[in-house]
N, C-alpha and C. Protein backbone atom coordinates (compact mmCIF):
# COMPACT_ATOMS: atom_id res chain seq x y z
N UNK A 1 -7.32 28.66 8.92
CA UNK A 1 -8.50 28.36 8.58
C UNK A 1 -8.47 26.66 8.06
N UNK A 2 -9.10 25.89 8.54
CA UNK A 2 -8.99 24.54 8.10
C UNK A 2 -9.51 24.33 6.53
N UNK A 3 -8.84 23.59 5.88
CA UNK A 3 -8.98 23.35 4.27
C UNK A 3 -9.56 22.19 4.45
N UNK A 4 -10.45 21.79 3.40
CA UNK A 4 -10.68 20.49 2.81
C UNK A 4 -9.86 20.00 1.67
N UNK A 5 -8.57 19.93 1.82
CA UNK A 5 -7.85 19.32 0.42
C UNK A 5 -8.40 18.00 -0.12
N UNK A 6 -8.40 18.16 -1.59
CA UNK A 6 -8.98 16.88 -2.10
C UNK A 6 -7.64 15.87 -2.62
N UNK A 7 -7.93 14.80 -2.95
CA UNK A 7 -6.90 13.92 -3.51
C UNK A 7 -6.50 14.43 -4.65
N UNK A 8 -7.24 15.04 -5.52
CA UNK A 8 -6.55 15.62 -6.74
C UNK A 8 -5.70 16.57 -6.51
N UNK A 9 -5.97 17.44 -5.47
CA UNK A 9 -4.77 18.74 -5.16
C UNK A 9 -3.62 17.94 -4.77
N UNK A 10 -3.65 17.09 -4.04
CA UNK A 10 -2.77 16.24 -3.40
C UNK A 10 -1.72 15.68 -4.55
N UNK A 11 -2.60 15.09 -5.63
CA UNK A 11 -2.00 14.07 -6.45
C UNK A 11 -1.28 15.20 -7.59
N UNK A 12 -1.76 16.36 -7.63
CA UNK A 12 -0.93 17.43 -8.71
C UNK A 12 0.01 18.49 -8.01
N UNK A 13 -0.10 18.18 -6.50
CA UNK A 13 1.15 19.06 -5.61
C UNK A 13 2.50 18.65 -6.03
N UNK A 14 3.15 19.80 -6.44
CA UNK A 14 4.52 19.83 -6.67
C UNK A 14 5.62 19.10 -5.78
N UNK A 15 5.25 19.67 -4.80
CA UNK A 15 6.25 19.45 -3.50
C UNK A 15 5.98 17.64 -3.23
N UNK A 16 4.87 17.72 -3.54
CA UNK A 16 4.67 15.61 -3.05
C UNK A 16 5.22 15.29 -3.76
N UNK A 17 4.92 15.38 -5.48
CA UNK A 17 5.40 14.59 -6.68
C UNK A 17 6.78 14.80 -6.51
N UNK A 18 7.38 15.72 -5.99
CA UNK A 18 8.73 15.62 -5.89
C UNK A 18 9.51 14.87 -4.86
N UNK A 19 8.61 14.66 -4.03
CA UNK A 19 9.18 13.51 -2.95
C UNK A 19 9.00 12.44 -3.05
N UNK A 20 7.46 12.06 -3.87
CA UNK A 20 7.59 10.64 -4.49
C UNK A 20 8.50 10.47 -5.49
N UNK A 21 9.05 10.97 -6.09
CA UNK A 21 10.03 10.62 -7.29
C UNK A 21 11.44 10.30 -6.54
N UNK A 22 11.62 11.31 -5.83
CA UNK A 22 12.78 10.94 -4.82
C UNK A 22 13.01 9.60 -4.41
N UNK A 23 11.77 9.44 -3.52
CA UNK A 23 11.65 8.22 -2.91
C UNK A 23 11.98 7.01 -3.92
N UNK A 24 11.04 7.12 -5.21
CA UNK A 24 11.08 5.90 -5.96
C UNK A 24 12.57 5.68 -6.57
N UNK A 25 13.23 6.94 -7.08
CA UNK A 25 14.57 6.75 -7.32
C UNK A 25 15.60 5.87 -6.56
N UNK A 26 15.46 6.43 -4.93
CA UNK A 26 16.22 6.00 -4.01
C UNK A 26 16.02 4.38 -3.76
N UNK A 27 14.73 4.07 -3.87
CA UNK A 27 14.53 2.69 -4.30
C UNK A 27 15.05 2.01 -5.17
N UNK A 28 14.72 2.46 -6.50
CA UNK A 28 15.42 1.99 -7.14
C UNK A 28 16.89 1.68 -7.18
N UNK A 29 17.64 2.81 -6.72
CA UNK A 29 19.25 2.71 -6.72
C UNK A 29 19.49 1.86 -5.61
N UNK A 30 18.50 1.37 -4.66
CA UNK A 30 18.89 0.16 -3.61
C UNK A 30 18.82 -1.16 -3.89
N UNK A 31 17.78 -1.12 -5.20
CA UNK A 31 17.54 -2.57 -5.83
C UNK A 31 16.22 -3.10 -5.59
N UNK A 32 15.47 -2.14 -5.02
CA UNK A 32 13.97 -2.41 -4.79
C UNK A 32 13.43 -2.53 -5.78
N UNK A 33 11.88 -3.12 -5.56
CA UNK A 33 10.86 -3.00 -6.79
C UNK A 33 10.34 -1.51 -6.72
N UNK A 34 9.74 -1.25 -7.95
CA UNK A 34 9.01 0.00 -7.90
C UNK A 34 8.38 0.67 -6.95
N UNK A 35 8.55 1.65 -6.20
CA UNK A 35 7.92 2.49 -5.31
C UNK A 35 7.28 3.96 -5.55
N UNK A 36 7.29 3.84 -6.82
CA UNK A 36 7.15 5.49 -7.33
C UNK A 36 5.61 5.86 -7.82
N UNK A 37 5.32 6.56 -8.61
CA UNK A 37 3.75 6.91 -8.79
C UNK A 37 2.85 5.71 -9.43
N UNK A 38 3.37 4.64 -9.97
CA UNK A 38 2.49 3.66 -10.16
C UNK A 38 2.31 3.08 -9.02
N UNK A 39 2.94 2.83 -8.14
CA UNK A 39 2.57 2.15 -7.03
C UNK A 39 1.92 2.78 -5.93
N UNK A 40 2.17 4.20 -5.46
CA UNK A 40 1.40 5.01 -4.27
C UNK A 40 -0.28 5.52 -5.25
N UNK A 41 -0.15 5.54 -6.64
CA UNK A 41 -1.56 5.46 -7.21
C UNK A 41 -2.37 4.52 -7.06
N UNK A 42 -1.85 3.55 -7.21
CA UNK A 42 -2.53 2.05 -7.00
C UNK A 42 -2.74 1.92 -5.59
N UNK A 43 -2.15 2.26 -4.64
CA UNK A 43 -2.53 2.08 -3.11
C UNK A 43 -3.66 3.06 -2.85
N UNK A 44 -3.49 4.28 -3.39
CA UNK A 44 -4.56 4.98 -2.92
C UNK A 44 -5.97 4.70 -3.76
N UNK A 45 -5.83 4.34 -4.78
CA UNK A 45 -7.27 3.95 -5.55
C UNK A 45 -7.72 2.63 -4.70
N UNK A 46 -7.02 1.77 -4.40
CA UNK A 46 -7.41 0.45 -3.84
C UNK A 46 -8.05 0.54 -2.37
N UNK A 47 -7.22 1.48 -1.83
CA UNK A 47 -7.75 1.82 -0.45
C UNK A 47 -9.12 2.54 -0.51
N UNK A 48 -9.25 3.67 -1.30
CA UNK A 48 -10.40 4.12 -1.44
C UNK A 48 -11.35 3.06 -1.71
N UNK A 49 -11.28 2.18 -2.83
CA UNK A 49 -12.36 1.49 -3.19
C UNK A 49 -12.87 0.52 -2.32
N UNK A 50 -11.77 0.04 -1.31
CA UNK A 50 -12.22 -0.53 0.07
C UNK A 50 -12.97 -0.10 0.95
N UNK A 51 -12.94 1.18 1.21
CA UNK A 51 -13.64 1.88 2.16
C UNK A 51 -14.99 2.09 1.46
N UNK A 52 -15.10 2.39 -0.08
CA UNK A 52 -16.17 2.78 -0.62
C UNK A 52 -16.92 1.49 -0.54
N UNK A 53 -16.54 0.30 -0.97
CA UNK A 53 -17.47 -0.75 -1.13
C UNK A 53 -17.87 -1.08 0.38
N UNK A 54 -17.26 -0.76 1.54
CA UNK A 54 -17.87 -1.28 2.56
C UNK A 54 -18.73 -0.18 3.39
N UNK A 55 -18.81 0.91 2.69
CA UNK A 55 -20.09 1.88 2.80
C UNK A 55 -19.18 3.27 3.91
N UNK A 56 -18.20 3.17 3.77
CA UNK A 56 -17.44 4.41 4.34
C UNK A 56 -17.92 5.89 3.85
N UNK A 57 -18.00 7.13 4.78
CA UNK A 57 -18.48 8.41 4.10
C UNK A 57 -17.05 8.71 2.94
N UNK A 58 -17.60 9.65 2.19
CA UNK A 58 -16.89 10.08 1.12
C UNK A 58 -15.76 10.76 1.69
N UNK A 59 -15.84 11.46 2.35
CA UNK A 59 -14.75 12.54 2.94
C UNK A 59 -13.38 11.35 3.67
N UNK A 60 -13.92 10.30 4.53
CA UNK A 60 -13.07 9.22 5.05
C UNK A 60 -12.65 8.74 3.70
N UNK A 61 -13.17 8.29 2.66
CA UNK A 61 -12.73 7.55 1.54
C UNK A 61 -11.51 8.49 0.85
N UNK A 62 -11.72 9.61 0.77
CA UNK A 62 -10.84 10.95 0.35
C UNK A 62 -9.29 10.70 0.91
N UNK A 63 -9.48 10.74 2.37
CA UNK A 63 -8.65 10.96 2.98
C UNK A 63 -7.75 9.82 3.00
N UNK A 64 -8.16 8.58 2.60
CA UNK A 64 -7.52 7.38 2.77
C UNK A 64 -6.60 7.23 1.61
N UNK A 65 -7.15 7.76 0.36
CA UNK A 65 -6.59 8.39 -1.16
C UNK A 65 -5.44 8.88 -0.57
N UNK A 66 -5.54 10.26 0.02
CA UNK A 66 -4.58 11.11 0.04
C UNK A 66 -3.52 10.40 0.97
N UNK A 67 -3.65 9.59 2.18
CA UNK A 67 -2.47 8.75 2.72
C UNK A 67 -1.95 8.14 1.79
N UNK A 68 -2.99 7.08 0.98
CA UNK A 68 -2.20 6.15 0.23
C UNK A 68 -1.08 6.57 -0.85
N UNK A 69 -1.59 7.96 -1.02
CA UNK A 69 -0.71 8.56 -2.26
C UNK A 69 0.62 9.05 -1.71
N UNK A 70 0.48 9.30 -0.38
CA UNK A 70 1.70 9.92 0.62
C UNK A 70 2.47 8.73 1.16
N UNK A 71 1.93 7.64 1.14
CA UNK A 71 2.26 6.81 2.00
C UNK A 71 4.00 6.20 2.15
N UNK A 72 4.64 6.48 1.01
CA UNK A 72 5.98 6.00 0.71
C UNK A 72 6.76 7.39 0.70
N UNK A 73 6.59 8.37 0.99
CA UNK A 73 7.32 9.15 0.67
C UNK A 73 8.63 9.36 1.63
N UNK A 74 8.39 8.29 2.83
CA UNK A 74 9.71 8.45 3.38
C UNK A 74 11.03 7.69 3.08
N UNK A 75 10.58 7.15 2.13
CA UNK A 75 11.64 6.57 1.32
C UNK A 75 12.81 7.10 0.80
N UNK A 76 12.44 8.45 0.91
CA UNK A 76 13.52 9.49 0.09
C UNK A 76 14.14 9.86 1.13
N UNK A 77 14.04 9.60 2.34
CA UNK A 77 15.14 9.53 3.54
C UNK A 77 15.84 8.56 3.87
N UNK A 78 15.26 7.32 3.96
CA UNK A 78 15.60 5.97 4.46
C UNK A 78 14.82 4.80 4.16
N UNK A 79 15.06 4.04 3.35
CA UNK A 79 13.94 2.58 3.96
C UNK A 79 13.94 2.37 5.40
N UNK A 80 14.78 2.04 6.11
CA UNK A 80 14.35 1.88 7.22
C UNK A 80 13.46 2.59 8.19
N UNK A 81 12.57 2.46 8.72
CA UNK A 81 11.50 3.00 9.31
C UNK A 81 10.90 4.19 8.47
N UNK A 82 10.70 3.83 7.41
CA UNK A 82 10.19 4.70 6.29
C UNK A 82 8.81 5.26 6.42
N UNK A 83 8.07 4.51 7.21
CA UNK A 83 6.90 4.83 7.53
C UNK A 83 6.74 5.68 8.43
N UNK A 84 7.69 5.89 9.52
CA UNK A 84 7.55 6.66 10.59
C UNK A 84 8.35 8.15 10.08
N UNK A 85 9.01 7.75 9.19
CA UNK A 85 9.95 9.37 8.44
C UNK A 85 8.79 9.90 7.65
N UNK A 86 7.96 9.00 6.83
CA UNK A 86 6.90 9.66 6.11
C UNK A 86 5.81 10.19 6.66
N UNK A 87 5.62 9.37 8.21
CA UNK A 87 4.22 10.26 8.77
C UNK A 87 4.45 11.55 9.15
N UNK A 88 6.11 11.56 9.77
CA UNK A 88 6.42 12.89 10.03
C UNK A 88 6.34 13.93 8.82
N UNK A 89 6.75 13.83 7.89
CA UNK A 89 6.72 14.31 6.69
C UNK A 89 5.37 14.81 6.21
N UNK A 90 4.31 13.73 6.17
CA UNK A 90 3.06 14.11 5.86
C UNK A 90 2.31 15.13 6.92
N UNK A 91 2.86 14.69 8.03
CA UNK A 91 2.38 16.02 9.29
C UNK A 91 2.94 17.29 8.93
N UNK A 92 3.93 17.40 8.22
CA UNK A 92 4.24 19.17 7.80
C UNK A 92 3.68 19.33 6.68
N UNK A 93 3.41 18.57 5.79
CA UNK A 93 2.95 18.35 4.79
C UNK A 93 1.15 19.12 4.91
N UNK A 94 0.53 18.46 5.46
CA UNK A 94 -0.91 18.53 5.83
C UNK A 94 -1.11 19.73 6.63
N UNK A 95 -0.24 20.17 7.37
CA UNK A 95 -0.70 21.32 8.30
C UNK A 95 -0.21 22.84 7.45
N UNK A 96 0.58 22.33 6.68
CA UNK A 96 1.36 23.73 5.72
C UNK A 96 -0.04 24.12 4.81
N UNK A 97 -0.74 22.58 4.53
CA UNK A 97 -1.95 23.00 3.70
C UNK A 97 -3.13 23.29 4.25
N UNK A 98 -3.09 23.58 5.34
CA UNK A 98 -3.90 23.87 6.60
C UNK A 98 -5.10 22.87 6.67
N UNK A 99 -4.67 21.53 6.30
CA UNK A 99 -5.83 20.67 6.95
C UNK A 99 -5.76 20.61 8.50
N UNK A 100 -7.29 20.37 8.76
CA UNK A 100 -7.57 20.34 10.15
C UNK A 100 -6.53 19.13 10.84
N UNK A 101 -6.50 19.50 12.13
CA UNK A 101 -6.04 18.52 12.95
C UNK A 101 -6.41 17.11 13.11
N UNK A 102 -7.80 16.76 12.96
CA UNK A 102 -8.53 15.58 13.06
C UNK A 102 -8.11 14.85 11.89
N UNK A 103 -8.25 15.80 10.40
CA UNK A 103 -7.82 15.11 9.37
C UNK A 103 -6.49 14.59 8.85
N UNK A 104 -5.48 15.89 9.72
CA UNK A 104 -4.11 15.40 9.26
C UNK A 104 -3.85 14.03 10.56
N UNK A 105 -4.26 13.96 11.66
CA UNK A 105 -4.11 13.00 12.57
C UNK A 105 -4.49 11.46 11.61
N UNK A 106 -5.47 11.93 10.90
CA UNK A 106 -6.27 10.10 10.25
C UNK A 106 -4.92 9.79 9.40
N UNK A 107 -4.61 10.82 8.40
CA UNK A 107 -3.43 10.67 7.42
C UNK A 107 -2.21 10.07 7.73
N UNK A 108 -1.88 10.79 9.20
CA UNK A 108 -0.39 10.79 9.70
C UNK A 108 -0.63 9.20 10.01
N UNK A 109 -1.42 8.72 10.82
CA UNK A 109 -1.81 7.28 11.74
C UNK A 109 -1.70 6.33 10.88
N UNK A 110 -2.40 6.40 9.52
CA UNK A 110 -2.50 5.48 8.38
C UNK A 110 -1.16 5.45 7.65
N UNK A 111 -0.32 6.39 7.30
CA UNK A 111 0.96 6.42 7.01
C UNK A 111 1.88 5.54 8.03
N UNK A 112 2.24 6.04 9.27
CA UNK A 112 2.84 5.64 10.10
C UNK A 112 2.52 4.05 10.66
N UNK A 113 1.36 3.57 10.01
CA UNK A 113 0.84 2.26 10.30
C UNK A 113 1.10 1.18 9.41
N UNK A 114 1.59 1.51 8.09
CA UNK A 114 1.39 0.84 6.84
C UNK A 114 2.50 -0.52 6.84
N UNK A 115 3.95 -0.11 7.77
CA UNK A 115 4.58 -1.14 7.38
C UNK A 115 4.60 -2.44 7.90
N UNK A 116 4.86 -3.55 7.70
CA UNK A 116 4.83 -4.78 8.29
C UNK A 116 5.60 -4.92 9.47
N UNK A 117 6.84 -4.11 9.55
CA UNK A 117 7.73 -4.37 10.52
C UNK A 117 7.22 -3.85 11.99
N UNK A 118 6.83 -2.49 11.95
CA UNK A 118 6.21 -1.77 13.06
C UNK A 118 4.89 -1.07 12.82
N UNK A 119 4.16 -1.52 11.84
CA UNK A 119 2.61 -1.14 11.92
C UNK A 119 1.51 -1.96 12.57
N UNK A 120 0.39 -1.40 12.58
CA UNK A 120 -0.56 -2.42 13.15
C UNK A 120 -1.96 -1.37 12.28
N UNK A 121 -3.27 -2.18 12.42
CA UNK A 121 -4.19 -1.95 11.86
C UNK A 121 -5.13 -1.01 13.01
N UNK A 122 -4.72 -0.15 13.51
CA UNK A 122 -5.30 0.87 14.57
C UNK A 122 -6.40 1.51 14.24
N UNK A 123 -6.92 1.85 13.04
CA UNK A 123 -8.14 2.01 12.77
C UNK A 123 -8.60 1.78 11.37
N UNK A 124 -9.72 1.86 10.91
CA UNK A 124 -10.23 1.24 9.55
C UNK A 124 -9.19 2.04 8.30
N UNK A 125 -8.86 3.11 8.48
CA UNK A 125 -8.38 3.86 7.35
C UNK A 125 -6.94 3.35 7.15
N UNK A 126 -6.37 2.85 8.44
CA UNK A 126 -5.14 2.17 8.35
C UNK A 126 -5.04 0.75 7.64
N UNK A 127 -6.04 0.23 8.23
CA UNK A 127 -6.74 -1.31 7.48
C UNK A 127 -6.45 -1.27 6.32
N UNK A 128 -7.42 -0.13 5.64
CA UNK A 128 -7.54 -0.07 4.22
C UNK A 128 -6.12 -0.20 3.49
N UNK A 129 -5.42 0.72 3.94
CA UNK A 129 -4.12 0.81 3.18
C UNK A 129 -3.16 -0.08 3.51
N UNK A 130 -3.04 -1.03 4.54
CA UNK A 130 -2.32 -1.83 4.95
C UNK A 130 -2.68 -2.67 3.57
N UNK A 131 -4.18 -3.17 3.60
CA UNK A 131 -4.59 -4.39 2.80
C UNK A 131 -4.11 -3.67 1.20
N UNK A 132 -4.36 -2.47 0.70
CA UNK A 132 -4.09 -1.93 -0.56
C UNK A 132 -2.48 -1.99 -1.13
N UNK A 133 -1.38 -1.77 0.00
CA UNK A 133 -0.24 -1.76 0.01
C UNK A 133 0.42 -3.13 -0.42
N UNK A 134 -0.25 -3.88 0.74
CA UNK A 134 0.70 -5.16 0.67
C UNK A 134 -0.21 -6.47 -0.58
N UNK A 135 -1.21 -5.80 -0.97
CA UNK A 135 -1.51 -6.47 -2.25
C UNK A 135 -1.11 -6.39 -3.62
N UNK A 136 -0.25 -5.31 -3.51
CA UNK A 136 0.30 -4.53 -4.68
C UNK A 136 1.46 -5.59 -5.36
N UNK A 137 1.17 -6.67 -5.77
CA UNK A 137 2.20 -7.38 -6.07
C UNK A 137 1.90 -8.04 -7.65
N UNK A 138 2.84 -7.68 -8.76
CA UNK A 138 2.94 -7.61 -9.86
C UNK A 138 4.26 -7.45 -10.60
N UNK A 139 4.09 -7.91 -11.82
CA UNK A 139 5.04 -7.98 -12.87
C UNK A 139 5.66 -6.81 -12.93
N UNK A 140 5.03 -5.69 -13.52
CA UNK A 140 5.69 -4.52 -13.73
C UNK A 140 6.30 -3.63 -12.37
N UNK A 141 6.12 -4.01 -11.37
CA UNK A 141 6.85 -3.41 -10.47
C UNK A 141 8.55 -3.89 -10.45
N UNK A 142 8.68 -4.65 -10.99
CA UNK A 142 10.12 -5.32 -11.23
C UNK A 142 11.03 -4.67 -12.18
N UNK A 143 11.96 -3.90 -11.52
CA UNK A 143 12.72 -2.61 -12.30
C UNK A 143 14.01 -3.27 -12.71
N UNK A 144 14.76 -4.42 -12.22
CA UNK A 144 15.84 -5.22 -12.75
C UNK A 144 15.64 -5.75 -14.15
N UNK A 145 16.12 -5.47 -15.08
CA UNK A 145 15.73 -5.98 -16.42
C UNK A 145 16.74 -7.38 -16.60
N UNK A 146 17.70 -7.50 -15.97
CA UNK A 146 18.46 -8.53 -16.06
C UNK A 146 17.70 -9.72 -15.15
N UNK A 147 17.41 -10.90 -15.81
CA UNK A 147 16.47 -12.01 -15.26
C UNK A 147 17.43 -12.68 -14.13
N UNK A 148 18.88 -12.63 -14.73
CA UNK A 148 19.92 -13.64 -14.15
C UNK A 148 20.17 -13.00 -12.74
N UNK A 149 20.02 -11.70 -12.48
CA UNK A 149 20.17 -10.85 -11.20
C UNK A 149 19.15 -10.71 -10.82
N UNK A 150 17.93 -11.56 -10.59
CA UNK A 150 16.99 -11.16 -9.82
C UNK A 150 16.84 -11.63 -8.45
N UNK A 151 16.61 -10.77 -7.50
CA UNK A 151 16.66 -11.55 -6.00
C UNK A 151 15.13 -12.00 -5.88
N UNK A 152 14.92 -12.57 -4.37
CA UNK A 152 13.67 -13.06 -4.31
C UNK A 152 12.60 -12.32 -4.33
N UNK A 153 12.90 -10.85 -4.20
CA UNK A 153 11.44 -9.98 -4.34
C UNK A 153 11.28 -9.71 -6.20
N UNK A 154 12.21 -9.64 -6.54
CA UNK A 154 12.04 -9.70 -8.19
C UNK A 154 11.26 -10.71 -8.51
N UNK A 155 11.94 -12.19 -8.07
CA UNK A 155 11.31 -13.48 -8.58
C UNK A 155 9.39 -13.61 -8.29
N UNK A 156 9.66 -13.21 -6.81
CA UNK A 156 8.10 -13.31 -6.79
C UNK A 156 7.09 -12.29 -7.44
N UNK A 157 8.03 -11.01 -7.27
CA UNK A 157 6.75 -10.09 -8.26
C UNK A 157 6.74 -10.41 -9.78
N UNK A 158 7.91 -10.98 -10.43
CA UNK A 158 7.94 -11.03 -11.63
C UNK A 158 6.84 -12.15 -12.03
N UNK A 159 6.65 -12.97 -11.16
CA UNK A 159 5.89 -14.45 -11.34
C UNK A 159 4.58 -13.73 -11.44
N UNK A 160 4.23 -12.83 -11.14
CA UNK A 160 2.68 -12.69 -10.66
C UNK A 160 2.13 -12.12 -12.05
N UNK A 161 1.30 -13.06 -12.70
CA UNK A 161 0.77 -12.74 -13.98
C UNK A 161 -0.39 -11.94 -13.75
N UNK A 162 -1.34 -12.03 -12.41
CA UNK A 162 -2.23 -11.83 -12.59
C UNK A 162 -2.68 -11.52 -11.06
N UNK A 163 -3.48 -10.24 -10.51
CA UNK A 163 -3.96 -10.09 -9.17
C UNK A 163 -4.91 -9.47 -9.05
N UNK A 164 -6.00 -9.77 -8.22
CA UNK A 164 -6.97 -9.13 -8.06
C UNK A 164 -7.37 -9.15 -6.29
N UNK A 165 -7.81 -7.92 -5.96
CA UNK A 165 -8.15 -7.93 -4.53
C UNK A 165 -9.71 -7.75 -4.62
N UNK A 166 -10.38 -8.26 -4.00
CA UNK A 166 -12.13 -8.31 -4.24
C UNK A 166 -12.81 -8.49 -3.09
N UNK A 167 -13.65 -8.21 -2.78
CA UNK A 167 -14.66 -8.04 -1.35
C UNK A 167 -16.18 -8.61 -2.06
N UNK A 168 -16.26 -9.94 -1.24
CA UNK A 168 -17.80 -10.34 -1.71
C UNK A 168 -19.01 -9.72 -1.65
N UNK A 169 -19.97 -10.20 -2.19
CA UNK A 169 -21.43 -9.34 -1.86
C UNK A 169 -21.64 -9.10 -0.72
N UNK A 170 -21.45 -9.91 -0.01
CA UNK A 170 -21.89 -10.12 1.68
C UNK A 170 -21.19 -9.19 2.29
N UNK A 171 -20.11 -8.42 1.90
CA UNK A 171 -19.23 -7.74 2.57
C UNK A 171 -18.58 -8.72 3.85
N UNK A 172 -18.21 -9.66 3.78
CA UNK A 172 -17.89 -10.63 4.82
C UNK A 172 -16.27 -11.44 4.48
N UNK A 173 -15.98 -11.20 3.35
CA UNK A 173 -14.32 -11.85 3.19
C UNK A 173 -13.96 -10.62 2.09
N UNK A 174 -12.61 -10.39 2.32
CA UNK A 174 -11.67 -9.47 1.12
C UNK A 174 -10.84 -10.92 0.81
N UNK A 175 -10.61 -10.85 -0.81
CA UNK A 175 -9.60 -12.35 -1.34
C UNK A 175 -8.84 -11.50 -2.03
N UNK A 176 -7.48 -12.08 -2.01
CA UNK A 176 -6.32 -11.50 -2.73
C UNK A 176 -6.01 -12.87 -3.55
N UNK A 177 -6.29 -12.85 -4.82
CA UNK A 177 -6.28 -13.82 -6.02
C UNK A 177 -5.18 -13.28 -6.74
N UNK A 178 -3.99 -14.75 -6.87
CA UNK A 178 -2.56 -14.27 -7.53
C UNK A 178 -2.80 -15.66 -8.67
N UNK A 179 -2.40 -15.20 -9.88
CA UNK A 179 -1.74 -16.09 -10.72
C UNK A 179 -0.26 -16.45 -10.76
N UNK A 180 0.12 -17.18 -10.28
CA UNK A 180 1.80 -17.40 -10.36
C UNK A 180 2.20 -18.19 -11.52
N UNK A 181 3.25 -17.49 -12.21
CA UNK A 181 3.83 -18.52 -13.25
C UNK A 181 5.31 -19.05 -12.20
N UNK A 182 5.14 -20.17 -12.07
CA UNK A 182 5.94 -20.95 -10.89
C UNK A 182 7.51 -21.05 -11.43
N UNK A 183 7.40 -20.76 -12.86
CA UNK A 183 8.72 -21.31 -13.66
C UNK A 183 9.74 -20.26 -13.03
N UNK A 184 9.37 -19.28 -12.51
CA UNK A 184 9.81 -17.90 -12.13
C UNK A 184 9.93 -18.13 -10.24
N UNK A 185 9.16 -18.66 -9.94
CA UNK A 185 9.01 -18.31 -8.27
C UNK A 185 8.07 -19.41 -7.97
N UNK A 186 8.47 -20.39 -6.93
CA UNK A 186 7.84 -21.36 -6.13
C UNK A 186 6.69 -20.74 -5.49
N UNK A 187 5.30 -21.19 -5.25
CA UNK A 187 4.69 -20.77 -4.19
C UNK A 187 5.21 -20.43 -2.71
N UNK A 188 6.05 -21.37 -2.62
CA UNK A 188 6.84 -21.55 -1.26
C UNK A 188 7.65 -20.18 -1.10
N UNK A 189 8.29 -19.66 -1.93
CA UNK A 189 9.00 -18.38 -2.17
C UNK A 189 8.41 -17.31 -1.51
N UNK A 190 6.76 -17.27 -2.39
CA UNK A 190 5.89 -16.09 -1.80
C UNK A 190 5.84 -16.37 -0.31
N UNK A 191 5.56 -17.27 0.21
CA UNK A 191 5.09 -17.39 1.57
C UNK A 191 6.44 -17.22 2.46
N UNK A 192 7.90 -17.10 1.69
CA UNK A 192 9.00 -16.64 2.53
C UNK A 192 9.04 -15.45 2.60
N UNK A 193 8.73 -14.68 1.73
CA UNK A 193 8.74 -13.28 2.04
C UNK A 193 7.64 -12.28 2.24
N UNK A 194 6.52 -12.96 2.02
CA UNK A 194 5.26 -12.35 2.26
C UNK A 194 4.29 -12.84 3.42
N UNK A 195 5.02 -14.00 4.27
CA UNK A 195 4.04 -14.61 5.24
C UNK A 195 3.87 -13.39 6.23
N UNK A 196 4.22 -12.62 6.81
CA UNK A 196 4.49 -11.30 7.54
C UNK A 196 3.33 -10.72 6.94
N UNK A 197 3.30 -10.15 5.82
CA UNK A 197 2.55 -9.40 5.16
C UNK A 197 1.02 -9.83 5.58
N UNK A 198 1.19 -11.31 4.84
CA UNK A 198 -0.31 -11.62 4.93
C UNK A 198 -1.09 -11.76 6.28
N UNK A 199 0.09 -12.05 7.21
CA UNK A 199 -0.71 -11.74 8.75
C UNK A 199 -1.11 -10.30 8.91
N UNK A 200 -0.54 -9.61 8.63
CA UNK A 200 -0.97 -8.14 8.81
C UNK A 200 -2.32 -8.22 7.86
N UNK A 201 -2.16 -8.37 6.85
CA UNK A 201 -3.42 -8.24 5.81
C UNK A 201 -4.55 -9.01 6.80
N UNK A 202 -4.60 -10.22 7.45
CA UNK A 202 -5.38 -10.76 8.09
C UNK A 202 -5.97 -9.88 8.95
N UNK A 203 -5.00 -9.02 10.00
CA UNK A 203 -5.59 -8.41 11.19
C UNK A 203 -6.24 -7.10 10.37
N UNK A 204 -5.74 -6.34 9.06
CA UNK A 204 -6.43 -5.58 8.83
C UNK A 204 -7.84 -5.86 8.30
N UNK A 205 -7.88 -6.73 7.72
CA UNK A 205 -9.33 -7.46 7.13
C UNK A 205 -10.20 -7.42 8.42
N UNK A 206 -9.87 -7.75 9.70
CA UNK A 206 -10.62 -8.04 10.76
C UNK A 206 -11.13 -6.85 11.40
N UNK A 207 -10.18 -5.92 11.25
CA UNK A 207 -10.39 -4.27 11.71
C UNK A 207 -11.63 -3.66 10.78
N UNK A 208 -11.71 -4.32 9.47
CA UNK A 208 -13.09 -3.88 8.74
C UNK A 208 -13.91 -4.80 8.90
N UNK A 209 -14.07 -5.82 9.51
CA UNK A 209 -15.03 -6.76 9.79
C UNK A 209 -15.00 -7.86 8.72
N UNK A 210 -13.93 -8.25 7.99
CA UNK A 210 -13.93 -9.03 6.92
C UNK A 210 -12.81 -10.22 7.37
N UNK A 211 -12.99 -11.10 6.69
CA UNK A 211 -11.99 -12.48 6.58
C UNK A 211 -10.93 -12.19 5.49
N UNK A 212 -9.88 -12.81 5.74
CA UNK A 212 -8.73 -12.22 4.58
C UNK A 212 -8.70 -13.59 4.23
N UNK A 213 -8.60 -13.68 2.99
CA UNK A 213 -8.22 -14.82 2.04
C UNK A 213 -7.23 -14.85 1.01
N UNK A 214 -6.52 -15.73 1.18
CA UNK A 214 -5.39 -15.54 0.04
C UNK A 214 -5.66 -16.86 -1.07
N UNK A 215 -5.90 -17.01 -2.60
CA UNK A 215 -5.76 -17.88 -3.19
C UNK A 215 -4.27 -17.74 -4.52
N UNK A 216 -3.86 -18.59 -4.32
CA UNK A 216 -2.83 -18.54 -5.43
C UNK A 216 -3.03 -19.71 -6.50
N UNK A 217 -2.76 -19.54 -7.53
CA UNK A 217 -3.42 -20.62 -8.86
C UNK A 217 -4.27 -21.44 -8.17
N UNK A 218 -5.39 -21.09 -7.88
CA UNK A 218 -6.54 -21.65 -7.66
C UNK A 218 -6.83 -22.42 -6.52
N UNK A 219 -5.76 -22.39 -5.44
CA UNK A 219 -5.60 -23.04 -4.17
C UNK A 219 -5.68 -22.05 -3.02
N UNK A 220 -6.70 -22.30 -2.52
CA UNK A 220 -6.88 -21.27 -1.04
C UNK A 220 -5.80 -21.71 -0.15
N UNK A 221 -5.13 -20.62 0.45
CA UNK A 221 -3.73 -20.95 1.34
C UNK A 221 -4.11 -20.40 2.55
N UNK A 222 -4.77 -19.15 2.76
CA UNK A 222 -5.21 -18.44 3.71
C UNK A 222 -6.72 -18.55 4.07
């Protein structure tokens, strides 16, 4: 029998929480920024807000949040191709929870397509999750405490003093607005590691009928 699992049930599921915790610890051990509960919870919330603002059905919003919460579980296996590994894991979890094949497919598709290396905004849910994931740039994601040992990813994230992803009232544009402390990272460094992600965001926005804009320190760059 198919079951309509809620986001709250997924968020409290002990198996899923264990996988997210393991993924976060693995990424920390590899020297990456935070990829644990703070990140996946923010991605889930933001993906849901994007679809809600654009007028999508409540169940589709909830599925986007479920996918967002589970999107990085593949990192517990390996960083490379983590979106594909995570999609397979999410498939097994969703079916074990008796979710319908249709809803399982939506979740798996979104997770499998969120990475900038291999993913694509193949549908609206995947597009919302891409935008939510790639816009999560913030100082609190930096786990390295020694500033002298910051790599470029640490510098870029640590430099972000404020960030906001907003959709205008006309629902024609989605804008990522960042305030960067350039003493830690030059704007050029942001583009050095994030240009591919921003291009993917542009395509994701187009899938939702939006124009993607990037504003850094009051200057519009995309």
